[in-house]
Protein backbone atom coordinates (compact mmCIF):
# COMPACT_ATOMS: atom_id res chain seq x y z
CA UNK A 1 -2.74 -34.83 64.64
CA UNK A 2 -5.85 -34.49 66.78
CA UNK A 3 -6.98 -30.96 67.61
CA UNK A 4 -8.81 -29.97 70.78
CA UNK A 5 -11.87 -27.89 69.96
CA UNK A 6 -14.05 -25.74 72.18
CA UNK A 7 -17.24 -23.75 71.75
CA UNK A 8 -15.01 -20.83 70.70
CA UNK A 9 -13.42 -22.53 67.69
CA UNK A 10 -15.90 -25.36 66.92
CA UNK A 11 -17.64 -23.56 64.07
CA UNK A 12 -14.37 -22.65 62.34
CA UNK A 13 -12.58 -25.98 62.93
CA UNK A 14 -15.51 -28.35 62.36
CA UNK A 15 -18.53 -26.78 60.69
CA UNK A 16 -16.58 -24.64 58.19
CA UNK A 17 -13.96 -27.30 57.37
CA UNK A 18 -13.33 -28.12 53.70
CA UNK A 19 -12.63 -31.76 54.63
CA UNK A 20 -14.65 -34.25 56.71
CA UNK A 21 -14.11 -33.88 60.47
CA UNK A 22 -14.33 -36.67 63.04
CA UNK A 23 -15.10 -35.29 66.49
CA UNK A 24 -14.39 -37.45 69.55
CA UNK A 25 -16.57 -36.41 72.51
CA UNK A 26 -14.81 -37.69 75.66
CA UNK A 27 -14.07 -37.10 79.34
CA UNK A 28 -10.95 -37.67 81.44
CA UNK A 29 -12.79 -39.97 83.89
CA UNK A 30 -14.18 -42.23 81.13
CA UNK A 31 -12.27 -45.54 80.82
CA UNK A 32 -13.67 -46.44 77.36
CA UNK A 33 -12.67 -42.92 76.21
CA UNK A 34 -9.11 -43.56 77.38
CA UNK A 35 -9.12 -46.83 75.43
CA UNK A 36 -10.46 -45.14 72.28
CA UNK A 37 -8.02 -42.23 72.36
CA UNK A 38 -4.96 -44.09 70.98
CA UNK A 39 -7.16 -45.61 68.25
CA UNK A 40 -8.28 -42.14 67.18
CA UNK A 41 -4.65 -40.94 67.29
CA UNK A 42 -3.56 -43.85 65.07
CA UNK A 43 -6.33 -43.22 62.55
CA UNK A 44 -5.39 -39.53 62.46
CA UNK A 45 -1.86 -40.46 61.42
CA UNK A 46 -3.16 -42.72 58.63
CA UNK A 47 -5.94 -40.57 57.21
CA UNK A 48 -4.76 -37.16 56.06
CA UNK A 49 -8.02 -36.60 54.16
CA UNK A 50 -9.97 -36.29 57.43
CA UNK A 51 -9.51 -33.78 60.26
CA UNK A 52 -9.63 -35.26 63.77
CA UNK A 53 -10.81 -33.26 66.77
CA UNK A 54 -11.61 -33.92 70.42
CA UNK A 55 -14.16 -32.25 72.67
CA UNK A 56 -13.90 -32.67 76.45
CA UNK A 57 -17.55 -32.83 77.50
CA UNK A 58 -16.79 -31.75 81.06
CA UNK A 59 -15.35 -28.48 79.77
CA UNK A 60 -17.70 -28.11 76.79
CA UNK A 61 -21.07 -29.38 78.03
CA UNK A 62 -22.91 -26.93 75.73
CA UNK A 63 -21.40 -28.61 72.64
CA UNK A 64 -22.25 -32.06 74.01
CA UNK A 65 -25.87 -31.02 74.56
CA UNK A 66 -26.11 -29.33 71.15
CA UNK A 67 -25.14 -32.58 69.41
CA UNK A 68 -27.13 -34.90 71.65
CA UNK A 69 -24.16 -36.61 73.28
CA UNK A 70 -25.70 -38.69 76.07
CA UNK A 71 -23.03 -41.41 76.34
CA UNK A 72 -19.31 -41.32 75.81
CA UNK A 73 -17.21 -41.92 73.93
CA UNK A 74 -19.25 -40.60 71.02
CA UNK A 75 -17.72 -40.08 67.59
CA UNK A 76 -19.49 -37.79 65.14
CA UNK A 77 -18.39 -37.41 61.54
CA UNK A 78 -19.20 -34.01 60.06
CA UNK A 79 -19.23 -33.39 56.31
CA UNK A 80 -19.90 -29.90 54.99
CA UNK A 81 -20.97 -28.78 58.46
CA UNK A 82 -23.61 -31.53 58.80
CA UNK A 83 -23.64 -34.74 60.83
CA UNK A 84 -22.91 -37.59 58.41
CA UNK A 85 -22.41 -40.50 60.84
CA UNK A 86 -22.36 -41.17 64.57
CA UNK A 87 -20.88 -43.93 66.73
CA UNK A 88 -21.45 -44.40 70.45
CA UNK A 89 -19.16 -46.47 72.65
CA UNK A 90 -15.76 -48.06 72.27
CA UNK A 91 -15.03 -49.28 68.73
CA UNK A 92 -12.07 -50.96 67.07
CA UNK A 93 -9.72 -49.22 64.68
CA UNK A 94 -11.31 -51.13 61.79
CA UNK A 95 -14.78 -49.92 62.81
CA UNK A 96 -13.48 -46.36 63.14
CA UNK A 97 -11.96 -46.48 59.64
CA UNK A 98 -15.27 -47.82 58.26
CA UNK A 99 -17.03 -44.88 59.91
CA UNK A 100 -14.88 -42.54 57.84
């Protein structure tokens, strides 16, 4: 399952998580984001050891700015509240799983 996070629950859902969290920064108008979304959903079903979240940058521009999201889609893997890895642009499922 992929959770939608906002500035209100980001700290609790992502930064305070006991497990690694992959955050997908996206927008509804972004074609590569739409192509990446089902890949993220598939990975979420396969990897129960990682929490998957999405942030709509149009609704949560403050979060996008805070984490330096300049292009979308951007995937950021957080471990223990810190950025562990980052990927910008459309990637394959295999590349996404390697990111984890």
